[in-house]
Amino acid sequence: MPANRADWSADSMRRCGEIQLLNLLASNIRYPQAARDSNIQGTVVLNFVVEPSTGGITNINLLRNIGGGCGEEALRVLKALDEAGLRWVPGTIAGKPARVRHTLPVKFKLTESLPYSISEAGDSIYTVLDTEPAYTAGYDSLLSHLLSKLRYPASWRD
């Protein structure tokens, strides 16, 4: 990666900006519950105009909606990013900034987390279970045992 911005090519700055935009979208979009419940997945397509004077966006449209609130959520986040000050580098024609319509696809994909993880030793550690583990003699007995066996080092006593 280049040491400072002056060493960056226009293409590397564009790619970096695209990655940051996707990260912002991914970290701010909340998968709508209606879409989760209906197992709705797919790509929502938005478009908007980048204004040459400010780099802000206007005329935001939802071109393709997959339903379940996904289109509305993508619109909400894109508008919020603009309101928070996210600015675009305007396109140019003959070296002069120009209004440009941009299309942005936003993918919604459900990923089901596994009910377990694998430890470094290769053991299964379950995170979803029918009943929680419990101390065999009961909670009060566990507390009593801990209090009777717990010994602090002398340097910790005050």
C-alpha atoms as a PDB file:
ATOM      1  CA  MET A   1       0.000   0.000   0.000  1.00  0.00           C
ATOM      2  CA  PRO A   2       1.366   3.463  -0.830  1.00  0.00           C
ATOM      3  CA  ALA A   3       2.892   5.427   2.041  1.00  0.00           C
ATOM      4  CA  ASN A   4       0.801   8.560   1.554  1.00  0.00           C
ATOM      5  CA  ARG A   5      -2.113   9.773  -0.538  1.00  0.00           C
ATOM      6  CA  ALA A   6       0.144  11.477  -3.109  1.00  0.00           C
ATOM      7  CA  ASP A   7       1.525   8.032  -4.023  1.00  0.00           C
ATOM      8  CA  TRP A   8      -1.922   6.562  -4.688  1.00  0.00           C
ATOM      9  CA  SER A   9      -3.226   6.125  -8.217  1.00  0.00           C
ATOM     10  CA  ALA A  10      -6.760   7.203  -9.069  1.00  0.00           C
ATOM     11  CA  ASP A  11      -7.698   3.536  -9.492  1.00  0.00           C
ATOM     12  CA  SER A  12      -6.382   2.503  -6.059  1.00  0.00           C
ATOM     13  CA  MET A  13      -8.214   5.429  -4.414  1.00  0.00           C
ATOM     14  CA  ARG A  14     -11.429   4.417  -6.220  1.00  0.00           C
ATOM     15  CA  ARG A  15     -11.084   0.794  -5.094  1.00  0.00           C
ATOM     16  CA  CYS A  16     -10.327   1.864  -1.521  1.00  0.00           C
ATOM     17  CA  GLY A  17     -13.381   4.138  -1.551  1.00  0.00           C
ATOM     18  CA  GLU A  18     -15.584   1.327  -2.859  1.00  0.00           C
ATOM     19  CA  ILE A  19     -14.364  -1.023  -0.127  1.00  0.00           C
ATOM     20  CA  GLN A  20     -15.010   1.610   2.546  1.00  0.00           C
ATOM     21  CA  LEU A  21     -18.509   2.279   1.165  1.00  0.00           C
ATOM     22  CA  LEU A  22     -19.336  -1.431   1.230  1.00  0.00           C
ATOM     23  CA  ASN A  23     -18.007  -1.680   4.799  1.00  0.00           C
ATOM     24  CA  LEU A  24     -20.143   1.292   5.858  1.00  0.00           C
ATOM     25  CA  LEU A  25     -23.226  -0.221   4.252  1.00  0.00           C
ATOM     26  CA  ALA A  26     -22.591  -3.654   5.757  1.00  0.00           C
ATOM     27  CA  SER A  27     -22.024  -2.284   9.250  1.00  0.00           C
ATOM     28  CA  ASN A  28     -25.125  -0.054   9.200  1.00  0.00           C
ATOM     29  CA  ILE A  29     -27.740  -2.143   7.408  1.00  0.00           C
ATOM     30  CA  ARG A  30     -30.000  -4.124   9.707  1.00  0.00           C
ATOM     31  CA  TYR A  31     -31.545  -7.121   7.962  1.00  0.00           C
ATOM     32  CA  PRO A  32     -35.302  -6.491   8.201  1.00  0.00           C
ATOM     33  CA  GLN A  33     -37.114  -9.004  10.399  1.00  0.00           C
ATOM     34  CA  ALA A  34     -39.865  -9.478   7.785  1.00  0.00           C
ATOM     35  CA  ALA A  35     -37.197 -10.457   5.232  1.00  0.00           C
ATOM     36  CA  ARG A  36     -35.590 -12.847   7.735  1.00  0.00           C
ATOM     37  CA  ASP A  37     -38.910 -14.454   8.574  1.00  0.00           C
ATOM     38  CA  SER A  38     -39.728 -14.918   4.865  1.00  0.00           C
ATOM     39  CA  ASN A  39     -36.176 -16.021   3.974  1.00  0.00           C
ATOM     40  CA  ILE A  40     -35.890 -13.164   1.455  1.00  0.00           C
ATOM     41  CA  GLN A  41     -32.450 -12.796  -0.092  1.00  0.00           C
ATOM     42  CA  GLY A  42     -31.181 -11.012  -3.175  1.00  0.00           C
ATOM     43  CA  THR A  43     -29.876  -7.738  -4.522  1.00  0.00           C
ATOM     44  CA  VAL A  44     -31.538  -4.373  -4.064  1.00  0.00           C
ATOM     45  CA  VAL A  45     -30.482  -1.791  -6.640  1.00  0.00           C
ATOM     46  CA  LEU A  46     -30.378   1.930  -5.860  1.00  0.00           C
ATOM     47  CA  ASN A  47     -29.354   4.840  -8.025  1.00  0.00           C
ATOM     48  CA  PHE A  48     -28.645   8.475  -7.257  1.00  0.00           C
ATOM     49  CA  VAL A  49     -27.037  11.596  -8.658  1.00  0.00           C
ATOM     50  CA  VAL A  50     -23.678  12.811  -7.347  1.00  0.00           C
ATOM     51  CA  GLU A  51     -23.745  16.608  -7.274  1.00  0.00           C
ATOM     52  CA  PRO A  52     -20.596  18.303  -8.626  1.00  0.00           C
ATOM     53  CA  SER A  53     -20.655  21.267  -6.258  1.00  0.00           C
ATOM     54  CA  THR A  54     -20.871  19.354  -2.963  1.00  0.00           C
ATOM     55  CA  GLY A  55     -20.190  15.681  -3.686  1.00  0.00           C
ATOM     56  CA  GLY A  56     -23.498  14.979  -1.948  1.00  0.00           C
ATOM     57  CA  ILE A  57     -26.163  12.763  -3.425  1.00  0.00           C
ATOM     58  CA  THR A  58     -29.669  13.644  -4.649  1.00  0.00           C
ATOM     59  CA  ASN A  59     -32.483  11.945  -6.547  1.00  0.00           C
ATOM     60  CA  ILE A  60     -32.106   8.644  -4.715  1.00  0.00           C
ATOM     61  CA  ASN A  61     -34.264   5.948  -6.320  1.00  0.00           C
ATOM     62  CA  LEU A  62     -34.978   2.327  -5.604  1.00  0.00           C
ATOM     63  CA  LEU A  63     -34.654   0.556  -8.965  1.00  0.00           C
ATOM     64  CA  ARG A  64     -35.015  -3.033  -7.768  1.00  0.00           C
ATOM     65  CA  ASN A  65     -36.585  -4.174  -4.528  1.00  0.00           C
ATOM     66  CA  ILE A  66     -36.664  -7.752  -3.264  1.00  0.00           C
ATOM     67  CA  GLY A  67     -39.328  -7.058  -0.630  1.00  0.00           C
ATOM     68  CA  GLY A  68     -39.492  -7.676   3.087  1.00  0.00           C
ATOM     69  CA  GLY A  69     -38.285  -4.148   3.850  1.00  0.00           C
ATOM     70  CA  CYS A  70     -34.859  -4.660   2.231  1.00  0.00           C
ATOM     71  CA  GLY A  71     -35.250  -1.808  -0.273  1.00  0.00           C
ATOM     72  CA  GLU A  72     -36.414   0.590   2.408  1.00  0.00           C
ATOM     73  CA  GLU A  73     -33.495  -0.393   4.658  1.00  0.00           C
ATOM     74  CA  ALA A  74     -30.950   0.180   1.878  1.00  0.00           C
ATOM     75  CA  LEU A  75     -32.524   3.596   1.166  1.00  0.00           C
ATOM     76  CA  ARG A  76     -32.463   4.489   4.871  1.00  0.00           C
ATOM     77  CA  VAL A  77     -28.768   3.710   5.220  1.00  0.00           C
ATOM     78  CA  LEU A  78     -27.730   5.477   1.995  1.00  0.00           C
ATOM     79  CA  LYS A  79     -29.663   8.610   3.015  1.00  0.00           C
ATOM     80  CA  ALA A  80     -28.188   8.440   6.537  1.00  0.00           C
ATOM     81  CA  LEU A  81     -24.635   8.199   5.157  1.00  0.00           C
ATOM     82  CA  ASP A  82     -25.275  11.286   3.019  1.00  0.00           C
ATOM     83  CA  GLU A  83     -26.773  13.157   5.985  1.00  0.00           C
ATOM     84  CA  ALA A  84     -23.725  12.161   8.065  1.00  0.00           C
ATOM     85  CA  GLY A  85     -21.453  13.868   5.543  1.00  0.00           C
ATOM     86  CA  LEU A  86     -20.311  11.030   3.270  1.00  0.00           C
ATOM     87  CA  ARG A  87     -19.158  12.798   0.110  1.00  0.00           C
ATOM     88  CA  TRP A  88     -18.362  11.524  -3.363  1.00  0.00           C
ATOM     89  CA  VAL A  89     -15.756  12.750  -5.802  1.00  0.00           C
ATOM     90  CA  PRO A  90     -17.876  14.059  -8.667  1.00  0.00           C
ATOM     91  CA  GLY A  91     -17.447  12.722 -12.188  1.00  0.00           C
ATOM     92  CA  THR A  92     -15.943  14.988 -14.808  1.00  0.00           C
ATOM     93  CA  ILE A  93     -16.577  15.790 -18.443  1.00  0.00           C
ATOM     94  CA  ALA A  94     -13.749  17.534 -20.298  1.00  0.00           C
ATOM     95  CA  GLY A  95     -12.032  18.093 -16.949  1.00  0.00           C
ATOM     96  CA  LYS A  96     -15.015  19.871 -15.384  1.00  0.00           C
ATOM     97  CA  PRO A  97     -17.155  18.391 -12.579  1.00  0.00           C
ATOM     98  CA  ALA A  98     -20.534  17.129 -13.805  1.00  0.00           C
ATOM     99  CA  ARG A  99     -23.697  15.638 -12.327  1.00  0.00           C
ATOM    100  CA  VAL A 100     -23.451  11.860 -12.653  1.00  0.00           C
ATOM    101  CA  ARG A 101     -26.076   9.188 -12.034  1.00  0.00           C
ATOM    102  CA  HIS A 102     -24.561   6.266 -10.123  1.00  0.00           C
ATOM    103  CA  THR A 103     -26.060   2.788  -9.618  1.00  0.00           C
ATOM    104  CA  LEU A 104     -25.386   0.898  -6.388  1.00  0.00           C
ATOM    105  CA  PRO A 105     -26.282  -2.773  -5.861  1.00  0.00           C
ATOM    106  CA  VAL A 106     -26.778  -3.857  -2.232  1.00  0.00           C
ATOM    107  CA  LYS A 107     -26.826  -7.599  -1.519  1.00  0.00           C
ATOM    108  CA  PHE A 108     -28.961  -9.074   1.219  1.00  0.00           C
ATOM    109  CA  LYS A 109     -27.893 -12.589   2.153  1.00  0.00           C
ATOM    110  CA  LEU A 110     -28.942 -14.560   5.197  1.00  0.00           C
ATOM    111  CA  THR A 111     -26.171 -16.449   6.902  1.00  0.00           C
ATOM    112  CA  GLU A 112     -27.173 -18.925   9.523  1.00  0.00           C
ATOM    113  CA  SER A 113     -24.652 -19.211  12.296  1.00  0.00           C
ATOM    114  CA  LEU A 114     -23.665 -22.732  13.247  1.00  0.00           C
ATOM    115  CA  PRO A 115     -24.981 -24.005  16.597  1.00  0.00           C
ATOM    116  CA  TYR A 116     -21.379 -24.774  17.586  1.00  0.00           C
ATOM    117  CA  SER A 117     -17.787 -23.684  17.133  1.00  0.00           C
ATOM    118  CA  ILE A 118     -14.637 -25.754  16.862  1.00  0.00           C
ATOM    119  CA  SER A 119     -11.909 -25.177  19.450  1.00  0.00           C
ATOM    120  CA  GLU A 120      -8.193 -25.113  18.600  1.00  0.00           C
ATOM    121  CA  ALA A 121      -8.022 -28.683  19.872  1.00  0.00           C
ATOM    122  CA  GLY A 122     -10.732 -29.705  17.383  1.00  0.00           C
ATOM    123  CA  ASP A 123     -13.518 -30.123  19.952  1.00  0.00           C
ATOM    124  CA  SER A 124     -17.105 -28.987  19.305  1.00  0.00           C
ATOM    125  CA  ILE A 125     -18.292 -26.234  21.632  1.00  0.00           C
ATOM    126  CA  TYR A 126     -22.059 -25.778  21.381  1.00  0.00           C
ATOM    127  CA  THR A 127     -23.651 -22.339  21.569  1.00  0.00           C
ATOM    128  CA  VAL A 128     -27.270 -23.381  21.007  1.00  0.00           C
ATOM    129  CA  LEU A 129     -28.678 -25.981  23.351  1.00  0.00           C
ATOM    130  CA  ASP A 130     -31.862 -27.264  24.913  1.00  0.00           C
ATOM    131  CA  THR A 131     -30.886 -26.665  28.552  1.00  0.00           C
ATOM    132  CA  GLU A 132     -28.135 -24.574  30.106  1.00  0.00           C
ATOM    133  CA  PRO A 133     -25.451 -26.318  32.172  1.00  0.00           C
ATOM    134  CA  ALA A 134     -26.005 -26.181  35.932  1.00  0.00           C
ATOM    135  CA  TYR A 135     -23.994 -27.070  39.015  1.00  0.00           C
ATOM    136  CA  THR A 136     -25.213 -30.468  40.231  1.00  0.00           C
ATOM    137  CA  ALA A 137     -25.779 -29.419  43.846  1.00  0.00           C
ATOM    138  CA  GLY A 138     -27.486 -26.153  42.909  1.00  0.00           C
ATOM    139  CA  TYR A 139     -26.507 -22.510  42.649  1.00  0.00           C
ATOM    140  CA  ASP A 140     -26.361 -21.865  46.416  1.00  0.00           C
ATOM    141  CA  SER A 141     -24.047 -24.837  46.865  1.00  0.00           C
ATOM    142  CA  LEU A 142     -21.786 -23.556  44.091  1.00  0.00           C
ATOM    143  CA  LEU A 143     -21.515 -20.137  45.763  1.00  0.00           C
ATOM    144  CA  SER A 144     -20.803 -21.727  49.135  1.00  0.00           C
ATOM    145  CA  HIS A 145     -18.097 -23.916  47.597  1.00  0.00           C
ATOM    146  CA  LEU A 146     -16.444 -20.957  45.857  1.00  0.00           C
ATOM    147  CA  LEU A 147     -16.502 -18.798  48.962  1.00  0.00           C
ATOM    148  CA  SER A 148     -14.983 -21.538  51.121  1.00  0.00           C
ATOM    149  CA  LYS A 149     -12.232 -22.473  48.626  1.00  0.00           C
ATOM    150  CA  LEU A 150     -11.324 -19.090  47.168  1.00  0.00           C
ATOM    151  CA  ARG A 151      -7.990 -17.826  48.482  1.00  0.00           C
ATOM    152  CA  TYR A 152      -6.542 -14.510  47.428  1.00  0.00           C
ATOM    153  CA  PRO A 153      -2.738 -14.005  47.380  1.00  0.00           C
ATOM    154  CA  ALA A 154      -1.421 -12.021  50.315  1.00  0.00           C
ATOM    155  CA  SER A 155      -0.363  -9.182  47.984  1.00  0.00           C
ATOM    156  CA  TRP A 156      -4.032  -8.692  46.970  1.00  0.00           C
ATOM    157  CA  ARG A 157      -5.378  -8.319  50.478  1.00  0.00           C
ATOM    158  CA  ASP A 158      -5.934  -4.827  51.862  1.00  0.00           C
END
